[in-house]
Amino acid sequence: MKTKSPKKRASLHRVYSSQITESVERAPSRAMLHAVGFSDKDFKKSQVGIASTWSMVTPCNMHINKLASIAAEGVNAAGGKAVEFNTITISDGISMGTEGMKYSLVSREVIADSIETVAGCEWFDGLVTIGGCDKNMPGCLIAMARLNRPSVFVYGGTIMPGRVQGKDVDIVSVFEAVGAHARGDIGDKQLKEIEAKSIPGPGSCGGMYTANTMGSAIEALGMSLPNSSAQAAISEDKARDCRNAGAAVLNLIKLGIRPSDIMTKKAFENAIAVVTALGGSTNAVLHLLAMAHAIGVKLTLEDFTRVGKRTPVLADLKPSGTFVMAKFVEIGGLLPLMKTMLDAGLLHGDCLTVTGKTLKQNLAGVKPYPKGQLVVRPLSDPIKKDGHLVILYGNLAPKGAVAKISGKEGLKFTGKARVYNSEETALKAILDGTVKKGDVIVIRYEGPKGGPGMREMLAPTSAVMGKGLGKDVALITDGRFSGGSHGFVVGHITPEAQVGGALAIVKNGDPITIDAEKRTLNLDVSNAEIEKRMRAWKAPKPRYTRGVLAKYASEVSTASEGAVTDASLNLD
């Protein structure tokens, strides 16, 4: 398609910050700003907020304070005035498999709310947001979408892999080692070595897990600079990315380009296509739906099916594949893949990006991957000819469910239900041998409202793989999965058990069929029996009645709507 030049727009220079820096009446505001380092000259500059997700609670974010300072330098050097501030992060890897993980998805909303709150209160003209761990990224994008001011997202970068016995290892290696230890395949000493060497330093988990998936999706969306998604956390490339992001925001302010100009329906289709080609995390479905909602774009589960049918899986990356993210970075990152997809008609090249140029213009002159590399397959020899993110429907999921089918698991699984009302009880049953070949593990009351918080089931799925049951056991849940999960797993079942979804009335021994070809998920009992059980079912009492989790449970939407907390407002 022919690329159109972006329309000339009015500059957004000081459109917002002038509200607190102009006139005699604003002397108190200026006095406060003098105290934090403003000079009189700075009051005539565009103010750019630098939202940092730095924290020492996780290696994913432990370096982001330094990246934020570099981004601020980039803003100041380009003629703006940078103002750094912090928001929160949590650690999925630390809290996984515990009650604390219920706060994980909640943190996405807290991050979005806090960035919106600070930027709205302080009247920033633009934003640079920097995220590391999984929920940081969609949280940042949701806030940028709500504010709709010139903005650039910077991905904090991938961790370098650890090494154990000559093999690359990461956090998922540790989770799977726990299963292998329970099976008796490895001893205490080997488990300890994997534990000690898998996380060597700063950066996000090192496969195509949720963080790297979302970094790639956001770049494809046009909200990050080229190749921001494929850089090591501790690299000069990442430092340069931050400096350039600072300058890029000033250019967007000058050009009058807002997130709503970039985050269009076609741009979201680009993001879905790239996630598919990379074999990315199921969490991308949840987060892209939420981001689209924030900017006012109508995105549905059907869009993932539609785009997935025409897009092959090309990247052989962990968890389903072979290579770690660092190898993807080494061969050139995302740009050669996107150029290949653009040339094949799999991406919309006329979408505007934070460079001020279109995607097609950004990719002009990008060279292909080096000959002989094995990380990314050619279009003529894909890993899977169509998408791995399969949306399933049936009597267990009339509003949809999300499966990650790489092809290695098979395409159909029929087994007998083994039912658990929490992640913890399921994990114990997997590790102690209660779960057997042919079982369909059912984990319910872990949805957005029921958990609450829709926990990731990395501990159970990793235990299944570690016990050597990956091809013999399926797992379904109204919770969700880590990007590190693999195997025959189905999540995001909607309606969830807590609100009366059919998952709530499944009994031990019930036959369940998962069919990825027919895209169905069914409880194989009669409609009459299902109706009888539903009449007898009573919703359990909320697990929390005070605080953050209780508030979240009362406001959160379904997984099929992105699990957002403002969908019920209906104020338009």
Protein backbone atom coordinates (compact mmCIF):
# COMPACT_ATOMS: atom_id res chain seq x y z
CA MET A 1 0.00 0.00 0.00
CA LYS A 2 1.08 3.58 -0.68
CA THR A 3 2.48 5.40 2.31
CA LYS A 4 0.94 8.76 3.07
CA SER A 5 2.91 11.52 4.75
CA PRO A 6 1.54 12.45 8.18
CA LYS A 7 -0.73 15.51 8.19
CA LYS A 8 0.80 18.68 9.64
CA ARG A 9 -0.65 19.39 13.07
CA ALA A 10 -0.48 22.30 15.46
CA SER A 11 2.35 22.15 17.99
CA LEU A 12 1.43 21.09 21.52
CA HIS A 13 4.28 23.14 23.04
CA ARG A 14 3.32 24.07 26.59
CA VAL A 15 -0.39 23.51 25.92
CA TYR A 16 -0.62 21.85 29.35
CA SER A 17 2.29 23.18 31.41
CA SER A 18 1.32 26.79 30.72
CA GLN A 19 -1.65 26.20 33.05
CA ILE A 20 0.74 26.25 36.01
CA THR A 21 3.54 28.53 34.82
CA GLU A 22 1.79 31.56 33.29
CA SER A 23 0.39 34.70 34.94
CA VAL A 24 0.89 36.40 38.29
CA GLU A 25 -1.64 34.06 39.90
CA ARG A 26 0.63 31.09 39.27
CA ALA A 27 3.52 32.47 41.36
CA PRO A 28 2.95 29.80 44.08
CA SER A 29 3.25 27.06 41.42
CA ARG A 30 6.48 28.55 40.09
CA ALA A 31 7.83 28.86 43.64
CA MET A 32 7.33 25.13 44.18
CA LEU A 33 8.98 24.36 40.86
CA HIS A 34 11.98 26.56 41.67
CA ALA A 35 12.53 24.36 44.72
CA VAL A 36 12.82 21.20 42.58
CA GLY A 37 15.34 22.71 40.18
CA PHE A 38 13.44 24.89 37.69
CA SER A 39 14.96 28.13 36.43
CA ASP A 40 12.99 31.01 34.90
CA LYS A 41 14.05 29.74 31.45
CA ASP A 42 12.54 26.31 32.20
CA PHE A 43 9.07 27.83 32.52
CA LYS A 44 9.18 28.51 28.78
CA LYS A 45 10.01 24.90 27.91
CA SER A 46 7.71 21.92 27.33
CA GLN A 47 7.58 19.84 30.50
CA VAL A 48 8.00 16.11 30.04
CA GLY A 49 7.23 13.65 32.81
CA ILE A 50 9.58 10.65 33.05
CA ALA A 51 7.60 7.83 34.66
CA SER A 52 10.04 5.34 36.16
CA THR A 53 9.02 1.92 37.41
CA TRP A 54 12.32 1.51 39.30
CA SER A 55 12.30 -0.71 42.32
CA MET A 56 14.58 -3.15 44.06
CA VAL A 57 11.81 -5.70 44.46
CA THR A 58 12.66 -7.38 41.14
CA PRO A 59 15.67 -7.66 38.79
CA CYS A 60 13.36 -6.64 35.93
CA ASN A 61 13.27 -3.06 37.23
CA MET A 62 16.39 -2.64 39.37
CA HIS A 63 18.20 -0.59 36.69
CA ILE A 64 15.33 1.59 35.50
CA ASN A 65 16.25 4.57 37.72
CA LYS A 66 19.41 4.91 35.64
CA LEU A 67 17.46 4.60 32.38
CA ALA A 68 15.02 7.26 33.58
CA SER A 69 17.89 9.66 34.25
CA ILE A 70 19.25 9.06 30.76
CA ALA A 71 15.81 9.72 29.25
CA ALA A 72 15.65 12.95 31.26
CA GLU A 73 19.02 13.97 29.83
CA GLY A 74 17.60 13.34 26.35
CA VAL A 75 14.60 15.58 27.05
CA ASN A 76 16.75 18.39 28.46
CA ALA A 77 19.27 18.21 25.62
CA ALA A 78 16.40 18.51 23.10
CA GLY A 79 15.16 21.73 24.70
CA GLY A 80 12.53 20.42 27.08
CA LYS A 81 12.37 20.22 30.87
CA ALA A 82 12.28 16.70 32.29
CA VAL A 83 10.58 15.85 35.58
CA GLU A 84 11.21 12.36 36.93
CA PHE A 85 8.72 10.51 39.10
CA ASN A 86 8.12 6.94 40.21
CA THR A 87 5.34 4.46 40.12
CA ILE A 88 5.23 0.94 41.54
CA THR A 89 6.16 -2.50 40.36
CA ILE A 90 5.70 -5.97 41.78
CA SER A 91 7.52 -9.22 41.05
CA ASP A 92 5.59 -12.06 39.46
CA GLY A 93 8.62 -14.32 39.74
CA ILE A 94 8.84 -13.88 43.51
CA SER A 95 5.11 -14.04 44.27
CA MET A 96 4.20 -16.77 41.75
CA GLY A 97 2.24 -19.61 43.33
CA THR A 98 1.41 -17.63 46.47
CA GLU A 99 -1.45 -15.45 47.68
CA GLY A 100 0.70 -12.43 46.84
CA MET A 101 0.33 -13.13 43.12
CA LYS A 102 -3.26 -11.93 43.37
CA TYR A 103 -1.87 -8.40 43.40
CA SER A 104 -0.05 -8.87 40.09
CA LEU A 105 -2.74 -7.95 37.56
CA VAL A 106 -4.08 -5.41 40.04
CA SER A 107 -0.70 -3.63 39.80
CA ARG A 108 -1.37 -2.90 36.10
CA GLU A 109 -4.33 -0.74 37.12
CA VAL A 110 -2.42 0.88 40.00
CA ILE A 111 0.44 1.78 37.64
CA ALA A 112 -1.96 3.23 35.06
CA ASP A 113 -3.89 5.16 37.68
CA SER A 114 -0.76 6.53 39.34
CA ILE A 115 0.87 7.75 36.10
CA GLU A 116 -2.39 9.34 34.99
CA THR A 117 -2.75 10.95 38.42
CA VAL A 118 0.74 12.47 38.51
CA ALA A 119 0.78 13.62 34.88
CA GLY A 120 -2.73 15.03 35.10
CA CYS A 121 -2.02 16.87 38.33
CA GLU A 122 1.35 18.28 37.23
CA TRP A 123 0.23 19.35 33.72
CA PHE A 124 3.03 17.63 31.80
CA ASP A 125 3.08 18.36 28.07
CA GLY A 126 4.44 14.91 27.26
CA LEU A 127 5.55 11.63 28.78
CA VAL A 128 8.32 9.07 28.64
CA THR A 129 7.37 5.89 30.48
CA ILE A 130 9.85 3.10 31.21
CA GLY A 131 8.69 -0.40 32.13
CA GLY A 132 10.43 -3.65 32.97
CA CYS A 133 8.25 -6.34 34.54
CA ASP A 134 5.12 -7.66 32.86
CA LYS A 135 2.38 -5.34 34.15
CA ASN A 136 4.48 -2.18 33.87
CA MET A 137 4.15 -2.08 30.14
CA PRO A 138 0.39 -2.24 29.62
CA GLY A 139 -0.01 -0.09 32.74
CA CYS A 140 2.17 2.61 31.17
CA LEU A 141 0.33 2.38 27.84
CA ILE A 142 -3.11 2.56 29.47
CA ALA A 143 -2.07 5.76 31.26
CA MET A 144 -0.57 7.26 28.08
CA ALA A 145 -3.77 6.42 26.21
CA ARG A 146 -6.03 8.01 28.83
CA LEU A 147 -3.95 11.21 28.95
CA ASN A 148 -3.51 11.32 25.17
CA ARG A 149 -0.48 13.59 25.31
CA PRO A 150 2.67 13.10 23.20
CA SER A 151 4.32 10.02 24.69
CA VAL A 152 7.02 7.41 24.12
CA PHE A 153 7.36 4.07 25.88
CA VAL A 154 10.79 2.61 26.63
CA TYR A 155 11.17 -1.08 27.36
CA GLY A 156 13.70 -1.69 30.13
CA GLY A 157 15.28 -4.56 28.20
CA THR A 158 15.87 -8.27 28.53
CA ILE A 159 18.05 -10.00 31.06
CA MET A 160 21.09 -11.94 29.89
CA PRO A 161 20.68 -15.70 30.36
CA GLY A 162 22.26 -17.65 33.16
CA ARG A 163 24.39 -20.72 32.39
CA VAL A 164 24.22 -24.13 34.02
CA GLN A 165 26.15 -27.07 32.61
CA GLY A 166 26.65 -25.30 29.30
CA LYS A 167 22.94 -24.49 28.80
CA ASP A 168 21.10 -21.16 28.88
CA VAL A 169 18.76 -20.96 31.87
CA ASP A 170 16.22 -18.48 33.19
CA ILE A 171 13.45 -18.16 35.76
CA VAL A 172 11.28 -20.77 34.02
CA SER A 173 14.19 -23.21 34.29
CA VAL A 174 13.93 -22.85 38.07
CA PHE A 175 10.17 -23.47 38.15
CA GLU A 176 10.57 -26.56 35.96
CA ALA A 177 13.48 -27.74 38.10
CA VAL A 178 11.11 -27.82 41.08
CA GLY A 179 8.94 -30.30 39.16
CA ALA A 180 11.98 -32.34 38.13
CA HIS A 181 13.12 -32.41 41.77
CA ALA A 182 9.69 -33.68 42.87
CA ARG A 183 9.91 -36.40 40.24
CA GLY A 184 13.37 -37.40 41.48
CA ASP A 185 15.21 -36.48 38.25
CA ILE A 186 17.51 -33.99 39.98
CA GLY A 187 18.79 -33.70 43.54
CA ASP A 188 19.06 -30.85 46.04
CA LYS A 189 22.53 -29.80 44.83
CA GLN A 190 21.48 -29.48 41.18
CA LEU A 191 18.31 -27.59 42.09
CA LYS A 192 20.37 -25.19 44.18
CA GLU A 193 22.79 -24.58 41.29
CA ILE A 194 19.91 -23.77 38.91
CA GLU A 195 18.40 -21.48 41.54
CA ALA A 196 21.68 -19.62 42.09
CA LYS A 197 22.69 -19.13 38.45
CA SER A 198 19.46 -18.55 36.51
CA ILE A 199 19.07 -14.81 37.22
CA PRO A 200 22.49 -13.18 36.65
CA GLY A 201 21.49 -9.49 36.78
CA PRO A 202 19.09 -6.73 35.67
CA GLY A 203 16.44 -7.13 33.00
CA SER A 204 13.17 -8.88 32.24
CA CYS A 205 12.76 -12.65 32.06
CA GLY A 206 14.78 -13.93 29.14
CA GLY A 207 12.42 -15.84 26.86
CA MET A 208 9.47 -14.71 24.77
CA TYR A 209 7.54 -14.46 27.99
CA THR A 210 5.09 -11.68 28.81
CA ALA A 211 7.60 -8.83 29.27
CA ASN A 212 9.40 -9.41 25.98
CA THR A 213 6.08 -10.14 24.28
CA MET A 214 4.59 -6.83 25.41
CA GLY A 215 7.78 -4.90 24.60
CA SER A 216 7.52 -6.27 21.05
CA ALA A 217 3.78 -5.61 20.82
CA ILE A 218 4.20 -1.99 21.90
CA GLU A 219 6.95 -1.42 19.34
CA ALA A 220 4.73 -2.95 16.63
CA LEU A 221 1.93 -0.70 17.87
CA GLY A 222 4.18 2.27 17.11
CA MET A 223 4.56 3.54 20.68
CA SER A 224 8.28 2.70 21.09
CA LEU A 225 11.28 3.65 18.99
CA PRO A 226 12.57 1.07 16.50
CA ASN A 227 14.10 -2.00 18.20
CA SER A 228 13.38 -0.74 21.72
CA SER A 229 11.88 -4.19 22.36
CA ALA A 230 15.04 -6.13 21.50
CA GLN A 231 17.90 -4.72 23.54
CA ALA A 232 19.71 -6.02 26.58
CA ALA A 233 18.88 -4.17 29.79
CA ILE A 234 22.54 -3.39 30.43
CA SER A 235 23.71 -2.21 27.04
CA GLU A 236 24.68 1.00 25.30
CA ASP A 237 21.85 0.31 22.84
CA LYS A 238 19.33 0.59 25.69
CA ALA A 239 20.97 3.77 27.03
CA ARG A 240 20.81 5.26 23.51
CA ASP A 241 17.16 4.22 23.24
CA CYS A 242 16.39 6.20 26.41
CA ARG A 243 18.21 9.33 25.22
CA ASN A 244 16.47 9.13 21.86
CA ALA A 245 13.09 8.64 23.52
CA GLY A 246 13.58 11.89 25.42
CA ALA A 247 14.25 13.74 22.19
CA ALA A 248 11.43 11.93 20.36
CA VAL A 249 8.80 13.27 22.78
CA LEU A 250 9.83 16.84 22.02
CA ASN A 251 9.46 16.06 18.32
CA LEU A 252 5.97 14.63 18.90
CA ILE A 253 5.03 17.79 20.84
CA LYS A 254 6.31 19.89 17.94
CA LEU A 255 4.37 17.81 15.40
CA GLY A 256 1.22 17.67 17.51
CA ILE A 257 1.13 13.85 17.46
CA ARG A 258 -0.79 12.15 20.27
CA PRO A 259 -1.22 8.46 21.20
CA SER A 260 -4.68 8.48 19.58
CA ASP A 261 -2.96 9.23 16.25
CA ILE A 262 -0.79 6.14 16.67
CA MET A 263 -2.87 3.59 18.62
CA THR A 264 -5.41 2.89 15.86
CA LYS A 265 -7.26 -0.33 15.04
CA LYS A 266 -4.75 -1.11 12.27
CA ALA A 267 -1.86 -0.52 14.70
CA PHE A 268 -3.38 -3.01 17.15
CA GLU A 269 -3.67 -5.50 14.29
CA ASN A 270 0.07 -4.98 13.69
CA ALA A 271 0.73 -5.71 17.35
CA ILE A 272 -1.33 -8.92 17.23
CA ALA A 273 0.48 -10.05 14.08
CA VAL A 274 3.92 -9.50 15.62
CA VAL A 275 2.95 -11.28 18.86
CA THR A 276 1.78 -14.18 16.72
CA ALA A 277 4.95 -14.36 14.63
CA LEU A 278 7.00 -14.37 17.83
CA GLY A 279 4.94 -17.10 19.52
CA GLY A 280 4.25 -14.64 22.33
CA SER A 281 2.46 -14.86 25.65
CA THR A 282 -1.29 -15.37 26.09
CA ASN A 283 -1.19 -12.34 28.38
CA ALA A 284 -0.89 -10.21 25.24
CA VAL A 285 -4.58 -10.89 24.59
CA LEU A 286 -5.58 -9.52 27.97
CA HIS A 287 -3.28 -6.50 27.82
CA LEU A 288 -3.93 -5.45 24.22
CA LEU A 289 -7.68 -5.57 24.90
CA ALA A 290 -7.15 -3.30 27.92
CA MET A 291 -4.89 -0.88 26.02
CA ALA A 292 -7.40 -0.65 23.16
CA HIS A 293 -10.20 0.06 25.64
CA ALA A 294 -8.14 2.91 27.14
CA ILE A 295 -7.68 4.64 23.76
CA GLY A 296 -11.25 3.97 22.60
CA VAL A 297 -10.47 1.36 19.92
CA LYS A 298 -12.92 -1.54 19.63
CA LEU A 299 -10.76 -4.68 19.85
CA THR A 300 -12.27 -8.12 20.50
CA LEU A 301 -11.23 -11.75 20.79
CA GLU A 302 -12.41 -12.22 17.22
CA ASP A 303 -9.65 -9.87 16.02
CA PHE A 304 -7.03 -12.22 17.47
CA THR A 305 -8.58 -15.14 15.60
CA ARG A 306 -8.83 -13.17 12.35
CA VAL A 307 -5.24 -11.89 12.41
CA GLY A 308 -3.91 -15.21 13.72
CA LYS A 309 -5.38 -17.18 10.82
CA ARG A 310 -3.23 -15.25 8.33
CA THR A 311 -0.04 -14.97 10.42
CA PRO A 312 2.51 -17.79 10.86
CA VAL A 313 4.65 -18.44 13.93
CA LEU A 314 8.25 -17.81 12.89
CA ALA A 315 10.39 -17.31 16.02
CA ASP A 316 11.83 -20.37 17.78
CA LEU A 317 11.96 -18.78 21.21
CA LYS A 318 11.40 -20.07 24.74
CA PRO A 319 9.21 -21.28 26.36
CA SER A 320 7.82 -23.45 23.54
CA GLY A 321 10.93 -23.02 21.39
CA THR A 322 14.69 -23.27 21.74
CA PHE A 323 16.33 -19.86 22.09
CA VAL A 324 16.45 -17.13 24.73
CA MET A 325 15.69 -13.49 23.98
CA ALA A 326 19.38 -12.57 24.03
CA LYS A 327 19.89 -14.69 20.88
CA PHE A 328 17.06 -12.79 19.18
CA VAL A 329 18.76 -9.53 20.10
CA GLU A 330 22.06 -10.86 18.77
CA ILE A 331 20.69 -11.48 15.25
CA GLY A 332 19.10 -8.04 14.92
CA GLY A 333 15.95 -8.07 17.03
CA LEU A 334 12.48 -7.22 15.82
CA LEU A 335 13.14 -4.95 12.83
CA PRO A 336 14.14 -7.62 10.25
CA LEU A 337 11.10 -9.70 11.24
CA MET A 338 8.78 -6.73 10.85
CA LYS A 339 10.35 -5.87 7.48
CA THR A 340 9.74 -9.43 6.30
CA MET A 341 6.15 -9.28 7.49
CA LEU A 342 5.58 -5.87 5.92
CA ASP A 343 6.91 -7.03 2.55
CA ALA A 344 4.59 -10.05 2.74
CA GLY A 345 1.54 -7.88 3.39
CA LEU A 346 1.16 -9.02 7.00
CA LEU A 347 1.51 -5.52 8.52
CA HIS A 348 -0.11 -2.16 7.82
CA GLY A 349 2.76 0.05 6.71
CA ASP A 350 0.83 3.33 6.80
CA CYS A 351 0.46 3.37 10.60
CA LEU A 352 2.02 6.40 12.29
CA THR A 353 4.70 5.81 14.98
CA VAL A 354 6.49 7.79 17.70
CA THR A 355 9.26 8.63 15.26
CA GLY A 356 6.76 10.92 13.54
CA LYS A 357 7.06 8.62 10.53
CA THR A 358 5.06 5.63 9.36
CA LEU A 359 5.98 2.04 10.07
CA LYS A 360 6.93 1.58 6.41
CA GLN A 361 9.24 4.58 6.55
CA ASN A 362 10.87 3.28 9.76
CA LEU A 363 11.56 -0.09 8.14
CA ALA A 364 12.99 1.24 4.87
CA GLY A 365 16.52 0.00 4.47
CA VAL A 366 16.32 -2.61 7.25
CA LYS A 367 18.57 -5.53 6.35
CA PRO A 368 17.47 -9.18 6.66
CA TYR A 369 18.71 -11.50 9.38
CA PRO A 370 22.22 -12.91 8.87
CA LYS A 371 22.42 -16.09 6.83
CA GLY A 372 22.53 -19.29 8.84
CA GLN A 373 20.70 -17.98 11.91
CA LEU A 374 18.19 -20.43 13.38
CA VAL A 375 16.18 -18.19 15.69
CA VAL A 376 13.65 -16.90 13.14
CA ARG A 377 12.33 -19.15 10.39
CA PRO A 378 11.59 -17.88 6.85
CA LEU A 379 7.98 -17.43 5.79
CA SER A 380 8.41 -20.46 3.53
CA ASP A 381 9.21 -22.72 6.49
CA PRO A 382 7.23 -21.52 9.53
CA ILE A 383 7.10 -23.24 12.89
CA LYS A 384 3.33 -23.09 12.58
CA LYS A 385 1.46 -21.91 9.49
CA ASP A 386 -1.07 -19.95 11.53
CA GLY A 387 -1.36 -18.37 14.95
CA HIS A 388 -0.61 -20.10 18.25
CA LEU A 389 -3.07 -17.96 20.25
CA VAL A 390 -6.28 -19.92 19.78
CA ILE A 391 -9.59 -18.53 21.02
CA LEU A 392 -11.87 -21.39 22.11
CA TYR A 393 -15.63 -21.41 22.66
CA GLY A 394 -18.03 -24.02 23.96
CA ASN A 395 -20.24 -24.82 26.92
CA LEU A 396 -17.28 -24.25 29.27
CA ALA A 397 -16.39 -20.93 27.64
CA PRO A 398 -19.39 -19.34 25.88
CA LYS A 399 -17.64 -15.93 26.04
CA GLY A 400 -14.26 -17.32 25.04
CA ALA A 401 -11.04 -18.79 26.40
CA VAL A 402 -7.42 -18.45 25.32
CA ALA A 403 -5.09 -21.34 24.52
CA LYS A 404 -1.45 -21.24 23.50
CA ILE A 405 -1.04 -24.04 20.93
CA SER A 406 2.46 -24.22 19.51
CA GLY A 407 1.76 -27.49 17.71
CA LYS A 408 4.07 -29.52 19.91
CA GLU A 409 1.25 -30.32 22.36
CA GLY A 410 -1.03 -31.80 19.73
CA LEU A 411 -4.30 -30.27 18.60
CA LYS A 412 -6.85 -32.20 20.65
CA PHE A 413 -7.03 -33.48 24.21
CA THR A 414 -9.81 -35.43 25.90
CA GLY A 415 -9.49 -36.41 29.52
CA LYS A 416 -11.18 -36.64 32.89
CA ALA A 417 -11.47 -33.59 35.09
CA ARG A 418 -9.48 -33.34 38.28
CA VAL A 419 -10.95 -30.27 39.98
CA TYR A 420 -9.28 -27.76 42.34
CA ASN A 421 -10.67 -24.53 43.76
CA SER A 422 -7.29 -22.84 44.06
CA GLU A 423 -3.85 -22.85 42.48
CA GLU A 424 -2.19 -24.04 45.69
CA THR A 425 -4.24 -27.24 45.99
CA ALA A 426 -3.64 -28.04 42.31
CA LEU A 427 0.12 -27.56 42.64
CA LYS A 428 0.27 -29.87 45.66
CA ALA A 429 -1.62 -32.54 43.75
CA ILE A 430 0.72 -32.31 40.78
CA LEU A 431 3.85 -32.54 42.91
CA ASP A 432 2.63 -35.40 45.15
CA GLY A 433 1.55 -37.57 42.20
CA THR A 434 -2.22 -37.27 42.58
CA VAL A 435 -2.47 -35.93 39.04
CA LYS A 436 -2.10 -38.77 36.52
CA LYS A 437 -1.78 -39.18 32.76
CA GLY A 438 -5.05 -38.44 31.01
CA ASP A 439 -6.20 -35.87 33.57
CA VAL A 440 -7.53 -32.44 32.72
CA ILE A 441 -6.54 -30.27 35.68
CA VAL A 442 -9.32 -27.76 36.40
CA ILE A 443 -8.29 -24.72 38.48
CA ARG A 444 -11.23 -22.44 39.18
CA TYR A 445 -12.18 -19.42 41.27
CA GLU A 446 -8.96 -17.81 40.08
CA GLY A 447 -10.53 -15.36 37.61
CA PRO A 448 -10.44 -11.55 37.79
CA LYS A 449 -13.27 -11.46 40.37
CA GLY A 450 -12.89 -14.89 41.93
CA GLY A 451 -9.17 -14.85 42.74
CA PRO A 452 -9.43 -11.99 42.77
CA GLY A 453 -6.64 -10.88 40.47
CA MET A 454 -6.47 -13.70 37.93
CA ARG A 455 -3.21 -15.30 39.04
CA GLU A 456 -0.71 -16.75 36.56
CA MET A 457 -0.42 -20.54 36.73
CA LEU A 458 3.30 -20.81 36.08
CA ALA A 459 3.96 -22.95 39.14
CA PRO A 460 1.41 -25.66 38.18
CA THR A 461 2.27 -25.66 34.46
CA SER A 462 6.00 -25.80 35.21
CA ALA A 463 5.41 -28.61 37.70
CA VAL A 464 3.52 -30.54 35.01
CA MET A 465 6.45 -30.11 32.60
CA GLY A 466 9.00 -30.93 35.27
CA LYS A 467 7.13 -34.12 36.18
CA GLY A 468 7.29 -35.19 32.55
CA LEU A 469 3.52 -34.94 32.01
CA GLY A 470 3.54 -32.14 29.42
CA LYS A 471 2.02 -34.30 26.64
CA ASP A 472 -0.20 -36.38 28.89
CA VAL A 473 -2.01 -33.80 31.02
CA ALA A 474 -4.05 -30.70 30.13
CA LEU A 475 -4.84 -27.75 32.38
CA ILE A 476 -7.78 -25.34 32.13
CA THR A 477 -8.51 -22.34 34.33
CA ASP A 478 -10.34 -19.04 34.65
CA GLY A 479 -6.99 -17.68 35.75
CA ARG A 480 -4.22 -16.89 33.30
CA PHE A 481 -0.71 -18.06 32.46
CA SER A 482 2.75 -16.67 32.62
CA GLY A 483 4.43 -16.13 29.29
CA GLY A 484 6.71 -18.90 30.52
CA SER A 485 3.90 -21.47 30.62
CA HIS A 486 3.70 -24.09 27.91
CA GLY A 487 1.95 -27.38 27.38
CA PHE A 488 -1.72 -28.14 26.67
CA VAL A 489 -3.14 -25.25 28.70
CA VAL A 490 -6.27 -23.09 28.38
CA GLY A 491 -6.90 -19.93 30.42
CA HIS A 492 -9.04 -16.81 30.55
CA ILE A 493 -12.19 -18.98 30.63
CA THR A 494 -15.18 -16.63 30.47
CA PRO A 495 -17.56 -16.40 32.26
CA GLU A 496 -15.39 -17.26 35.24
CA ALA A 497 -16.54 -19.62 37.99
CA GLN A 498 -17.15 -16.85 40.54
CA VAL A 499 -19.94 -15.31 38.44
CA GLY A 500 -21.59 -18.62 37.54
CA GLY A 501 -19.60 -19.81 34.55
CA ALA A 502 -19.94 -23.53 33.79
CA LEU A 503 -16.43 -24.11 35.15
CA ALA A 504 -18.05 -23.80 38.59
CA ILE A 505 -20.09 -26.99 38.21
CA VAL A 506 -17.43 -29.34 36.79
CA LYS A 507 -16.97 -32.48 38.94
CA ASN A 508 -14.06 -34.88 39.32
CA GLY A 509 -14.15 -37.48 36.57
CA ASP A 510 -16.21 -35.40 34.12
CA PRO A 511 -14.98 -35.80 30.53
CA ILE A 512 -13.61 -32.62 28.98
CA THR A 513 -12.52 -32.09 25.37
CA ILE A 514 -10.18 -29.36 24.12
CA ASP A 515 -10.10 -29.15 20.32
CA ALA A 516 -7.76 -26.54 18.86
CA GLU A 517 -8.79 -27.33 15.27
CA LYS A 518 -12.50 -26.85 15.93
CA ARG A 519 -11.62 -24.11 18.49
CA THR A 520 -13.86 -25.63 21.13
CA LEU A 521 -13.73 -26.29 24.88
CA ASN A 522 -16.53 -28.50 26.13
CA LEU A 523 -17.72 -30.34 29.20
CA ASP A 524 -18.96 -33.62 27.74
CA VAL A 525 -22.09 -34.09 29.87
CA SER A 526 -25.70 -33.48 28.89
CA ASN A 527 -27.26 -30.04 28.82
CA ALA A 528 -29.86 -31.30 31.28
CA GLU A 529 -27.14 -32.29 33.75
CA ILE A 530 -25.37 -28.92 33.34
CA GLU A 531 -28.66 -27.07 33.96
CA LYS A 532 -29.38 -29.22 37.04
CA ARG A 533 -25.96 -28.47 38.51
CA MET A 534 -26.27 -24.74 37.75
CA ARG A 535 -29.60 -24.57 39.61
CA ALA A 536 -27.93 -26.10 42.68
CA TRP A 537 -24.80 -23.92 42.54
CA LYS A 538 -24.31 -21.00 44.89
CA ALA A 539 -21.63 -18.35 44.47
CA PRO A 540 -18.95 -18.51 47.16
CA LYS A 541 -18.48 -15.49 49.38
CA PRO A 542 -15.82 -13.00 48.22
CA ARG A 543 -12.39 -13.94 49.49
CA TYR A 544 -11.65 -10.32 50.43
CA THR A 545 -13.97 -7.67 51.89
CA ARG A 546 -11.52 -4.82 52.50
CA GLY A 547 -8.65 -3.12 50.70
CA VAL A 548 -7.22 -3.19 47.20
CA LEU A 549 -8.27 -6.72 46.25
CA ALA A 550 -11.85 -6.17 47.39
CA LYS A 551 -12.10 -2.92 45.42
CA TYR A 552 -10.61 -4.62 42.37
CA ALA A 553 -13.02 -7.55 42.54
CA SER A 554 -16.00 -5.20 42.70
CA GLU A 555 -14.97 -3.16 39.63
CA VAL A 556 -13.04 -5.49 37.29
CA SER A 557 -14.52 -6.61 33.97
CA THR A 558 -14.23 -10.05 32.41
CA ALA A 559 -11.03 -11.39 30.90
CA SER A 560 -12.64 -11.23 27.44
CA GLU A 561 -12.87 -7.44 27.93
CA GLY A 562 -9.28 -7.09 29.14
CA ALA A 563 -10.01 -7.22 32.89
CA VAL A 564 -10.22 -3.42 33.07
CA THR A 565 -11.64 -1.49 36.02
CA ASP A 566 -13.53 1.28 34.25
CA ALA A 567 -15.63 -0.64 31.71
CA SER A 568 -18.79 -0.43 33.84
CA LEU A 569 -18.81 3.37 34.00
CA ASN A 570 -20.74 3.78 30.72
CA LEU A 571 -20.60 7.55 30.86
CA ASP A 572 -20.30 8.21 27.11
